[in-house]
Amino acid sequence: MSELLGVTTGLVVWRIRKTPDDAIYGPVDAGTLKEWANSAQVAPQDMIDESDDNWRPATQIDFLEMFWMVKLPPSDEPYGPTTIGTLREFIQEGLINEKTLATHAKTLQSLPIAALFAALEFEKKRSLKRPPKEAMKSTASLAVEMAKDQRIRQLEEDLKDLRREHESLTHRYRQLSLQLQEGTKSAAVKR
Protein backbone atom coordinates (compact mmCIF):
# COMPACT_ATOMS: atom_id res chain seq x y z
CA MET A 1 0.00 0.00 0.00
CA SER A 2 2.79 2.46 0.86
CA GLU A 3 4.52 1.70 -2.44
CA LEU A 4 1.25 2.43 -4.25
CA LEU A 5 0.91 5.65 -2.25
CA GLY A 6 4.45 6.57 -3.23
CA VAL A 7 3.67 6.11 -6.92
CA THR A 8 0.42 8.04 -6.89
CA THR A 9 1.71 11.03 -4.91
CA GLY A 10 5.16 11.17 -6.45
CA LEU A 11 6.67 10.54 -3.00
CA VAL A 12 9.89 8.53 -3.15
CA VAL A 13 10.04 5.80 -0.53
CA TRP A 14 13.20 4.03 0.46
CA ARG A 15 13.97 0.55 1.75
CA ILE A 16 17.15 -0.82 3.25
CA ARG A 17 18.42 -4.40 3.02
CA LYS A 18 20.76 -5.11 5.91
CA THR A 19 23.89 -7.16 5.49
CA PRO A 20 24.50 -10.03 6.30
CA ASP A 21 20.97 -11.26 7.08
CA ASP A 22 19.16 -9.57 4.11
CA ALA A 23 16.41 -8.22 6.41
CA ILE A 24 14.50 -5.43 4.66
CA TYR A 25 13.30 -2.33 6.52
CA GLY A 26 10.98 0.32 5.15
CA PRO A 27 9.50 1.86 3.20
CA VAL A 28 10.52 5.13 4.80
CA ASP A 29 10.95 8.68 3.58
CA ALA A 30 14.37 10.19 2.82
CA GLY A 31 14.48 12.05 6.14
CA THR A 32 14.00 8.87 8.14
CA LEU A 33 16.61 7.04 6.07
CA LYS A 34 19.08 9.87 6.69
CA GLU A 35 18.32 9.76 10.44
CA TRP A 36 19.06 6.03 10.39
CA ALA A 37 22.37 6.64 8.62
CA ASN A 38 23.35 9.36 11.11
CA SER A 39 22.57 7.10 14.07
CA ALA A 40 24.85 4.28 12.88
CA GLN A 41 21.95 2.14 11.70
CA VAL A 42 23.07 2.07 8.06
CA ALA A 43 26.34 0.26 7.40
CA PRO A 44 28.49 0.83 4.30
CA GLN A 45 27.71 -2.66 2.98
CA ASP A 46 23.89 -2.26 3.34
CA MET A 47 21.84 -1.96 0.16
CA ILE A 48 19.26 0.77 -0.51
CA ASP A 49 16.23 0.66 -2.82
CA GLU A 50 14.45 3.71 -4.16
CA SER A 51 10.96 2.26 -4.73
CA ASP A 52 12.09 0.47 -7.87
CA ASP A 53 13.83 -2.79 -6.86
CA ASN A 54 17.11 -1.31 -8.07
CA TRP A 55 19.27 -2.00 -5.01
CA ARG A 56 22.43 0.10 -4.63
CA PRO A 57 25.10 0.26 -1.91
CA ALA A 58 24.19 2.78 0.81
CA THR A 59 27.43 4.64 0.12
CA GLN A 60 26.12 5.55 -3.36
CA ILE A 61 23.11 7.42 -1.97
CA ASP A 62 24.45 10.98 -1.94
CA PHE A 63 21.99 12.53 0.52
CA LEU A 64 23.09 10.04 3.21
CA GLU A 65 26.50 11.77 3.19
CA MET A 66 28.46 8.58 3.86
CA PHE A 67 31.86 10.09 3.10
CA TRP A 68 34.19 9.25 6.00
CA MET A 69 36.57 6.30 6.47
CA VAL A 70 38.22 5.39 9.79
CA LYS A 71 40.41 2.59 11.08
CA LEU A 72 38.91 0.67 13.98
CA PRO A 73 41.23 -0.57 16.69
CA PRO A 74 42.74 -2.87 17.69
CA SER A 75 43.49 -4.26 14.22
CA ASP A 76 43.16 -0.92 12.36
CA GLU A 77 40.47 -2.50 10.20
CA PRO A 78 39.11 0.12 7.76
CA TYR A 79 35.44 1.05 8.18
CA GLY A 80 33.33 3.16 5.87
CA PRO A 81 32.55 5.26 4.19
CA THR A 82 30.11 6.30 6.87
CA THR A 83 28.41 9.40 8.24
CA ILE A 84 29.47 12.04 10.74
CA GLY A 85 26.67 10.80 12.99
CA THR A 86 28.12 7.30 12.95
CA LEU A 87 31.54 8.68 13.91
CA ARG A 88 29.89 10.42 16.88
CA GLU A 89 28.24 7.12 17.85
CA PHE A 90 31.60 5.31 17.58
CA ILE A 91 33.19 7.87 19.93
CA GLN A 92 30.36 7.47 22.44
CA GLU A 93 30.79 3.69 22.29
CA GLY A 94 34.55 4.01 22.76
CA LEU A 95 35.38 2.37 19.42
CA ILE A 96 37.42 5.40 18.34
CA ASN A 97 38.50 8.68 19.91
CA GLU A 98 38.74 12.30 18.79
CA LYS A 99 42.37 11.82 17.73
CA THR A 100 41.38 9.08 15.28
CA LEU A 101 41.99 10.15 11.68
CA ALA A 102 38.97 10.36 9.39
CA THR A 103 39.58 10.25 5.64
CA HIS A 104 37.13 11.66 3.12
CA ALA A 105 36.36 8.88 0.64
CA LYS A 106 36.26 11.19 -2.39
CA THR A 107 38.95 13.79 -1.68
CA LEU A 108 41.19 11.49 0.42
CA GLN A 109 41.80 14.39 2.83
CA SER A 110 42.52 13.12 6.35
CA LEU A 111 42.14 14.93 9.64
CA PRO A 112 41.53 14.11 13.29
CA ILE A 113 37.86 13.63 14.11
CA ALA A 114 38.01 16.49 16.64
CA ALA A 115 39.07 18.85 13.83
CA LEU A 116 36.30 17.48 11.61
CA PHE A 117 33.69 18.11 14.33
CA ALA A 118 35.10 21.60 14.92
CA ALA A 119 34.88 22.32 11.20
CA LEU A 120 31.25 21.22 11.15
CA GLU A 121 30.41 23.51 14.08
CA PHE A 122 32.29 26.36 12.43
CA GLU A 123 30.47 25.73 9.15
CA LYS A 124 27.11 25.65 10.91
CA LYS A 125 27.80 28.98 12.64
CA ARG A 126 28.83 30.81 9.51
CA SER A 127 26.45 29.15 7.05
CA LEU A 128 24.09 32.12 7.07
CA LYS A 129 26.93 34.57 6.41
CA ARG A 130 28.74 32.50 3.79
CA PRO A 131 28.97 33.78 0.19
CA PRO A 132 27.45 31.40 -2.42
CA LYS A 133 30.82 30.34 -3.88
CA GLU A 134 32.08 29.29 -0.45
CA ALA A 135 28.88 27.33 0.18
CA MET A 136 30.12 24.76 -2.33
CA LYS A 137 33.21 23.88 -0.27
CA SER A 138 33.24 20.47 1.34
CA THR A 139 33.46 19.94 5.08
CA ALA A 140 36.89 18.40 4.59
CA SER A 141 38.08 21.52 2.73
CA LEU A 142 36.75 23.75 5.49
CA ALA A 143 38.44 21.58 8.11
CA VAL A 144 41.75 21.81 6.28
CA GLU A 145 41.34 25.60 6.02
CA MET A 146 40.58 25.80 9.73
CA ALA A 147 43.62 23.67 10.53
CA LYS A 148 45.75 25.97 8.36
CA ASP A 149 44.32 29.07 10.07
CA GLN A 150 45.00 27.53 13.48
CA ARG A 151 48.57 26.70 12.44
CA ILE A 152 49.09 30.25 11.15
CA ARG A 153 47.83 31.67 14.47
CA GLN A 154 50.19 29.36 16.36
CA LEU A 155 53.13 30.39 14.17
CA GLU A 156 52.25 34.07 14.71
CA GLU A 157 52.24 33.50 18.48
CA ASP A 158 55.57 31.66 18.23
CA LEU A 159 56.98 34.55 16.20
CA LYS A 160 55.85 37.07 18.85
CA ASP A 161 57.55 34.98 21.54
CA LEU A 162 60.74 34.76 19.49
CA ARG A 163 60.71 38.54 18.90
CA ARG A 164 60.33 39.16 22.64
CA GLU A 165 63.20 36.77 23.33
CA HIS A 166 65.28 38.47 20.61
CA GLU A 167 64.62 41.91 22.13
CA SER A 168 65.54 40.61 25.57
CA LEU A 169 68.77 39.08 24.28
CA THR A 170 69.60 42.23 22.30
CA HIS A 171 69.06 44.33 25.42
CA ARG A 172 71.27 41.97 27.46
CA TYR A 173 73.95 42.10 24.74
CA ARG A 174 73.96 45.90 24.83
CA GLN A 175 74.29 45.87 28.62
CA LEU A 176 77.22 43.46 28.47
CA SER A 177 78.86 45.49 25.68
CA LEU A 178 78.60 48.65 27.79
CA GLN A 179 80.05 46.83 30.79
CA LEU A 180 82.90 45.53 28.63
CA GLN A 181 83.62 49.03 27.28
CA GLU A 182 83.59 50.49 30.77
CA GLY A 183 85.86 47.70 31.98
CA THR A 184 88.23 48.30 29.07
CA LYS A 185 88.30 52.07 29.77
CA SER A 186 88.96 51.47 33.46
CA ALA A 187 91.83 49.10 32.68
CA ALA A 188 93.34 51.60 30.23
CA VAL A 189 93.16 54.42 32.78
CA LYS A 190 94.88 52.28 35.44
CA ARG A 191 97.84 51.58 33.14
C-alpha atoms as a PDB file:
ATOM      1  CA  MET A   1       0.000   0.000   0.000  1.00  0.00           C
ATOM      2  CA  SER A   2       2.786   2.464   0.863  1.00  0.00           C
ATOM      3  CA  GLU A   3       4.520   1.703  -2.437  1.00  0.00           C
ATOM      4  CA  LEU A   4       1.254   2.431  -4.255  1.00  0.00           C
ATOM      5  CA  LEU A   5       0.911   5.655  -2.247  1.00  0.00           C
ATOM      6  CA  GLY A   6       4.447   6.572  -3.228  1.00  0.00           C
ATOM      7  CA  VAL A   7       3.670   6.107  -6.924  1.00  0.00           C
ATOM      8  CA  THR A   8       0.423   8.042  -6.885  1.00  0.00           C
ATOM      9  CA  THR A   9       1.705  11.034  -4.909  1.00  0.00           C
ATOM     10  CA  GLY A  10       5.161  11.172  -6.447  1.00  0.00           C
ATOM     11  CA  LEU A  11       6.674  10.541  -3.004  1.00  0.00           C
ATOM     12  CA  VAL A  12       9.885   8.530  -3.147  1.00  0.00           C
ATOM     13  CA  VAL A  13      10.037   5.803  -0.533  1.00  0.00           C
ATOM     14  CA  TRP A  14      13.197   4.034   0.465  1.00  0.00           C
ATOM     15  CA  ARG A  15      13.975   0.554   1.751  1.00  0.00           C
ATOM     16  CA  ILE A  16      17.146  -0.821   3.253  1.00  0.00           C
ATOM     17  CA  ARG A  17      18.425  -4.396   3.021  1.00  0.00           C
ATOM     18  CA  LYS A  18      20.756  -5.106   5.908  1.00  0.00           C
ATOM     19  CA  THR A  19      23.890  -7.165   5.486  1.00  0.00           C
ATOM     20  CA  PRO A  20      24.499 -10.032   6.300  1.00  0.00           C
ATOM     21  CA  ASP A  21      20.965 -11.257   7.084  1.00  0.00           C
ATOM     22  CA  ASP A  22      19.158  -9.567   4.114  1.00  0.00           C
ATOM     23  CA  ALA A  23      16.414  -8.221   6.405  1.00  0.00           C
ATOM     24  CA  ILE A  24      14.497  -5.428   4.662  1.00  0.00           C
ATOM     25  CA  TYR A  25      13.303  -2.329   6.520  1.00  0.00           C
ATOM     26  CA  GLY A  26      10.979   0.323   5.147  1.00  0.00           C
ATOM     27  CA  PRO A  27       9.498   1.860   3.196  1.00  0.00           C
ATOM     28  CA  VAL A  28      10.518   5.128   4.802  1.00  0.00           C
ATOM     29  CA  ASP A  29      10.953   8.684   3.579  1.00  0.00           C
ATOM     30  CA  ALA A  30      14.373  10.188   2.820  1.00  0.00           C
ATOM     31  CA  GLY A  31      14.478  12.051   6.138  1.00  0.00           C
ATOM     32  CA  THR A  32      14.003   8.870   8.138  1.00  0.00           C
ATOM     33  CA  LEU A  33      16.606   7.041   6.070  1.00  0.00           C
ATOM     34  CA  LYS A  34      19.076   9.875   6.687  1.00  0.00           C
ATOM     35  CA  GLU A  35      18.324   9.758  10.442  1.00  0.00           C
ATOM     36  CA  TRP A  36      19.056   6.026  10.389  1.00  0.00           C
ATOM     37  CA  ALA A  37      22.369   6.637   8.623  1.00  0.00           C
ATOM     38  CA  ASN A  38      23.350   9.356  11.114  1.00  0.00           C
ATOM     39  CA  SER A  39      22.567   7.102  14.070  1.00  0.00           C
ATOM     40  CA  ALA A  40      24.853   4.283  12.882  1.00  0.00           C
ATOM     41  CA  GLN A  41      21.947   2.143  11.697  1.00  0.00           C
ATOM     42  CA  VAL A  42      23.074   2.070   8.056  1.00  0.00           C
ATOM     43  CA  ALA A  43      26.338   0.257   7.395  1.00  0.00           C
ATOM     44  CA  PRO A  44      28.492   0.827   4.298  1.00  0.00           C
ATOM     45  CA  GLN A  45      27.708  -2.661   2.977  1.00  0.00           C
ATOM     46  CA  ASP A  46      23.893  -2.263   3.339  1.00  0.00           C
ATOM     47  CA  MET A  47      21.841  -1.958   0.155  1.00  0.00           C
ATOM     48  CA  ILE A  48      19.256   0.769  -0.508  1.00  0.00           C
ATOM     49  CA  ASP A  49      16.233   0.657  -2.823  1.00  0.00           C
ATOM     50  CA  GLU A  50      14.452   3.714  -4.164  1.00  0.00           C
ATOM     51  CA  SER A  51      10.963   2.260  -4.726  1.00  0.00           C
ATOM     52  CA  ASP A  52      12.086   0.468  -7.865  1.00  0.00           C
ATOM     53  CA  ASP A  53      13.827  -2.794  -6.864  1.00  0.00           C
ATOM     54  CA  ASN A  54      17.107  -1.315  -8.069  1.00  0.00           C
ATOM     55  CA  TRP A  55      19.270  -2.002  -5.014  1.00  0.00           C
ATOM     56  CA  ARG A  56      22.433   0.104  -4.626  1.00  0.00           C
ATOM     57  CA  PRO A  57      25.097   0.263  -1.906  1.00  0.00           C
ATOM     58  CA  ALA A  58      24.187   2.777   0.806  1.00  0.00           C
ATOM     59  CA  THR A  59      27.431   4.635   0.118  1.00  0.00           C
ATOM     60  CA  GLN A  60      26.124   5.554  -3.358  1.00  0.00           C
ATOM     61  CA  ILE A  61      23.109   7.423  -1.970  1.00  0.00           C
ATOM     62  CA  ASP A  62      24.448  10.978  -1.937  1.00  0.00           C
ATOM     63  CA  PHE A  63      21.987  12.529   0.520  1.00  0.00           C
ATOM     64  CA  LEU A  64      23.086  10.036   3.210  1.00  0.00           C
ATOM     65  CA  GLU A  65      26.503  11.771   3.185  1.00  0.00           C
ATOM     66  CA  MET A  66      28.458   8.578   3.861  1.00  0.00           C
ATOM     67  CA  PHE A  67      31.865  10.093   3.099  1.00  0.00           C
ATOM     68  CA  TRP A  68      34.187   9.253   6.003  1.00  0.00           C
ATOM     69  CA  MET A  69      36.567   6.304   6.466  1.00  0.00           C
ATOM     70  CA  VAL A  70      38.215   5.390   9.791  1.00  0.00           C
ATOM     71  CA  LYS A  71      40.407   2.593  11.080  1.00  0.00           C
ATOM     72  CA  LEU A  72      38.907   0.675  13.978  1.00  0.00           C
ATOM     73  CA  PRO A  73      41.231  -0.573  16.692  1.00  0.00           C
ATOM     74  CA  PRO A  74      42.740  -2.872  17.691  1.00  0.00           C
ATOM     75  CA  SER A  75      43.491  -4.262  14.217  1.00  0.00           C
ATOM     76  CA  ASP A  76      43.164  -0.917  12.362  1.00  0.00           C
ATOM     77  CA  GLU A  77      40.469  -2.498  10.197  1.00  0.00           C
ATOM     78  CA  PRO A  78      39.111   0.124   7.761  1.00  0.00           C
ATOM     79  CA  TYR A  79      35.443   1.046   8.184  1.00  0.00           C
ATOM     80  CA  GLY A  80      33.330   3.163   5.873  1.00  0.00           C
ATOM     81  CA  PRO A  81      32.551   5.257   4.189  1.00  0.00           C
ATOM     82  CA  THR A  82      30.106   6.304   6.867  1.00  0.00           C
ATOM     83  CA  THR A  83      28.406   9.404   8.241  1.00  0.00           C
ATOM     84  CA  ILE A  84      29.466  12.036  10.744  1.00  0.00           C
ATOM     85  CA  GLY A  85      26.667  10.799  12.993  1.00  0.00           C
ATOM     86  CA  THR A  86      28.119   7.299  12.950  1.00  0.00           C
ATOM     87  CA  LEU A  87      31.540   8.679  13.906  1.00  0.00           C
ATOM     88  CA  ARG A  88      29.894  10.416  16.879  1.00  0.00           C
ATOM     89  CA  GLU A  89      28.237   7.118  17.851  1.00  0.00           C
ATOM     90  CA  PHE A  90      31.598   5.311  17.575  1.00  0.00           C
ATOM     91  CA  ILE A  91      33.191   7.868  19.934  1.00  0.00           C
ATOM     92  CA  GLN A  92      30.357   7.467  22.440  1.00  0.00           C
ATOM     93  CA  GLU A  93      30.788   3.692  22.288  1.00  0.00           C
ATOM     94  CA  GLY A  94      34.553   4.008  22.760  1.00  0.00           C
ATOM     95  CA  LEU A  95      35.376   2.375  19.419  1.00  0.00           C
ATOM     96  CA  ILE A  96      37.422   5.398  18.343  1.00  0.00           C
ATOM     97  CA  ASN A  97      38.499   8.683  19.907  1.00  0.00           C
ATOM     98  CA  GLU A  98      38.737  12.302  18.792  1.00  0.00           C
ATOM     99  CA  LYS A  99      42.367  11.817  17.726  1.00  0.00           C
ATOM    100  CA  THR A 100      41.385   9.079  15.275  1.00  0.00           C
ATOM    101  CA  LEU A 101      41.987  10.152  11.678  1.00  0.00           C
ATOM    102  CA  ALA A 102      38.975  10.359   9.395  1.00  0.00           C
ATOM    103  CA  THR A 103      39.580  10.248   5.640  1.00  0.00           C
ATOM    104  CA  HIS A 104      37.128  11.664   3.116  1.00  0.00           C
ATOM    105  CA  ALA A 105      36.357   8.876   0.639  1.00  0.00           C
ATOM    106  CA  LYS A 106      36.256  11.194  -2.391  1.00  0.00           C
ATOM    107  CA  THR A 107      38.949  13.790  -1.679  1.00  0.00           C
ATOM    108  CA  LEU A 108      41.192  11.492   0.424  1.00  0.00           C
ATOM    109  CA  GLN A 109      41.803  14.386   2.835  1.00  0.00           C
ATOM    110  CA  SER A 110      42.520  13.116   6.352  1.00  0.00           C
ATOM    111  CA  LEU A 111      42.140  14.932   9.645  1.00  0.00           C
ATOM    112  CA  PRO A 112      41.526  14.114  13.289  1.00  0.00           C
ATOM    113  CA  ILE A 113      37.862  13.626  14.114  1.00  0.00           C
ATOM    114  CA  ALA A 114      38.010  16.486  16.638  1.00  0.00           C
ATOM    115  CA  ALA A 115      39.069  18.845  13.830  1.00  0.00           C
ATOM    116  CA  LEU A 116      36.295  17.476  11.609  1.00  0.00           C
ATOM    117  CA  PHE A 117      33.692  18.110  14.326  1.00  0.00           C
ATOM    118  CA  ALA A 118      35.103  21.603  14.917  1.00  0.00           C
ATOM    119  CA  ALA A 119      34.877  22.321  11.196  1.00  0.00           C
ATOM    120  CA  LEU A 120      31.249  21.221  11.154  1.00  0.00           C
ATOM    121  CA  GLU A 121      30.410  23.505  14.079  1.00  0.00           C
ATOM    122  CA  PHE A 122      32.288  26.362  12.428  1.00  0.00           C
ATOM    123  CA  GLU A 123      30.467  25.728   9.146  1.00  0.00           C
ATOM    124  CA  LYS A 124      27.107  25.655  10.911  1.00  0.00           C
ATOM    125  CA  LYS A 125      27.804  28.980  12.644  1.00  0.00           C
ATOM    126  CA  ARG A 126      28.831  30.807   9.513  1.00  0.00           C
ATOM    127  CA  SER A 127      26.454  29.147   7.048  1.00  0.00           C
ATOM    128  CA  LEU A 128      24.094  32.116   7.072  1.00  0.00           C
ATOM    129  CA  LYS A 129      26.927  34.568   6.406  1.00  0.00           C
ATOM    130  CA  ARG A 130      28.742  32.495   3.792  1.00  0.00           C
ATOM    131  CA  PRO A 131      28.971  33.775   0.190  1.00  0.00           C
ATOM    132  CA  PRO A 132      27.452  31.405  -2.420  1.00  0.00           C
ATOM    133  CA  LYS A 133      30.824  30.341  -3.881  1.00  0.00           C
ATOM    134  CA  GLU A 134      32.076  29.293  -0.453  1.00  0.00           C
ATOM    135  CA  ALA A 135      28.878  27.327   0.179  1.00  0.00           C
ATOM    136  CA  MET A 136      30.116  24.755  -2.335  1.00  0.00           C
ATOM    137  CA  LYS A 137      33.206  23.882  -0.267  1.00  0.00           C
ATOM    138  CA  SER A 138      33.240  20.471   1.341  1.00  0.00           C
ATOM    139  CA  THR A 139      33.460  19.941   5.079  1.00  0.00           C
ATOM    140  CA  ALA A 140      36.890  18.404   4.593  1.00  0.00           C
ATOM    141  CA  SER A 141      38.085  21.522   2.729  1.00  0.00           C
ATOM    142  CA  LEU A 142      36.753  23.748   5.485  1.00  0.00           C
ATOM    143  CA  ALA A 143      38.436  21.579   8.114  1.00  0.00           C
ATOM    144  CA  VAL A 144      41.749  21.813   6.277  1.00  0.00           C
ATOM    145  CA  GLU A 145      41.345  25.599   6.017  1.00  0.00           C
ATOM    146  CA  MET A 146      40.584  25.798   9.729  1.00  0.00           C
ATOM    147  CA  ALA A 147      43.622  23.672  10.529  1.00  0.00           C
ATOM    148  CA  LYS A 148      45.755  25.975   8.355  1.00  0.00           C
ATOM    149  CA  ASP A 149      44.319  29.067  10.074  1.00  0.00           C
ATOM    150  CA  GLN A 150      44.996  27.533  13.476  1.00  0.00           C
ATOM    151  CA  ARG A 151      48.574  26.703  12.444  1.00  0.00           C
ATOM    152  CA  ILE A 152      49.086  30.252  11.150  1.00  0.00           C
ATOM    153  CA  ARG A 153      47.826  31.672  14.467  1.00  0.00           C
ATOM    154  CA  GLN A 154      50.186  29.362  16.359  1.00  0.00           C
ATOM    155  CA  LEU A 155      53.127  30.388  14.169  1.00  0.00           C
ATOM    156  CA  GLU A 156      52.252  34.065  14.711  1.00  0.00           C
ATOM    157  CA  GLU A 157      52.244  33.504  18.484  1.00  0.00           C
ATOM    158  CA  ASP A 158      55.567  31.657  18.232  1.00  0.00           C
ATOM    159  CA  LEU A 159      56.979  34.554  16.201  1.00  0.00           C
ATOM    160  CA  LYS A 160      55.853  37.069  18.852  1.00  0.00           C
ATOM    161  CA  ASP A 161      57.547  34.978  21.539  1.00  0.00           C
ATOM    162  CA  LEU A 162      60.745  34.763  19.488  1.00  0.00           C
ATOM    163  CA  ARG A 163      60.714  38.540  18.898  1.00  0.00           C
ATOM    164  CA  ARG A 164      60.335  39.155  22.640  1.00  0.00           C
ATOM    165  CA  GLU A 165      63.199  36.771  23.327  1.00  0.00           C
ATOM    166  CA  HIS A 166      65.283  38.471  20.609  1.00  0.00           C
ATOM    167  CA  GLU A 167      64.616  41.906  22.130  1.00  0.00           C
ATOM    168  CA  SER A 168      65.539  40.610  25.571  1.00  0.00           C
ATOM    169  CA  LEU A 169      68.775  39.082  24.279  1.00  0.00           C
ATOM    170  CA  THR A 170      69.604  42.227  22.302  1.00  0.00           C
ATOM    171  CA  HIS A 171      69.057  44.331  25.417  1.00  0.00           C
ATOM    172  CA  ARG A 172      71.273  41.973  27.456  1.00  0.00           C
ATOM    173  CA  TYR A 173      73.953  42.098  24.736  1.00  0.00           C
ATOM    174  CA  ARG A 174      73.964  45.902  24.826  1.00  0.00           C
ATOM    175  CA  GLN A 175      74.291  45.874  28.615  1.00  0.00           C
ATOM    176  CA  LEU A 176      77.222  43.462  28.471  1.00  0.00           C
ATOM    177  CA  SER A 177      78.860  45.493  25.679  1.00  0.00           C
ATOM    178  CA  LEU A 178      78.602  48.647  27.790  1.00  0.00           C
ATOM    179  CA  GLN A 179      80.047  46.826  30.793  1.00  0.00           C
ATOM    180  CA  LEU A 180      82.903  45.529  28.633  1.00  0.00           C
ATOM    181  CA  GLN A 181      83.622  49.025  27.283  1.00  0.00           C
ATOM    182  CA  GLU A 182      83.585  50.487  30.769  1.00  0.00           C
ATOM    183  CA  GLY A 183      85.857  47.698  31.980  1.00  0.00           C
ATOM    184  CA  THR A 184      88.234  48.297  29.074  1.00  0.00           C
ATOM    185  CA  LYS A 185      88.296  52.071  29.765  1.00  0.00           C
ATOM    186  CA  SER A 186      88.963  51.466  33.464  1.00  0.00           C
ATOM    187  CA  ALA A 187      91.828  49.100  32.681  1.00  0.00           C
ATOM    188  CA  ALA A 188      93.339  51.599  30.228  1.00  0.00           C
ATOM    189  CA  VAL A 189      93.158  54.415  32.780  1.00  0.00           C
ATOM    190  CA  LYS A 190      94.882  52.279  35.439  1.00  0.00           C
ATOM    191  CA  ARG A 191      97.838  51.577  33.143  1.00  0.00           C
END
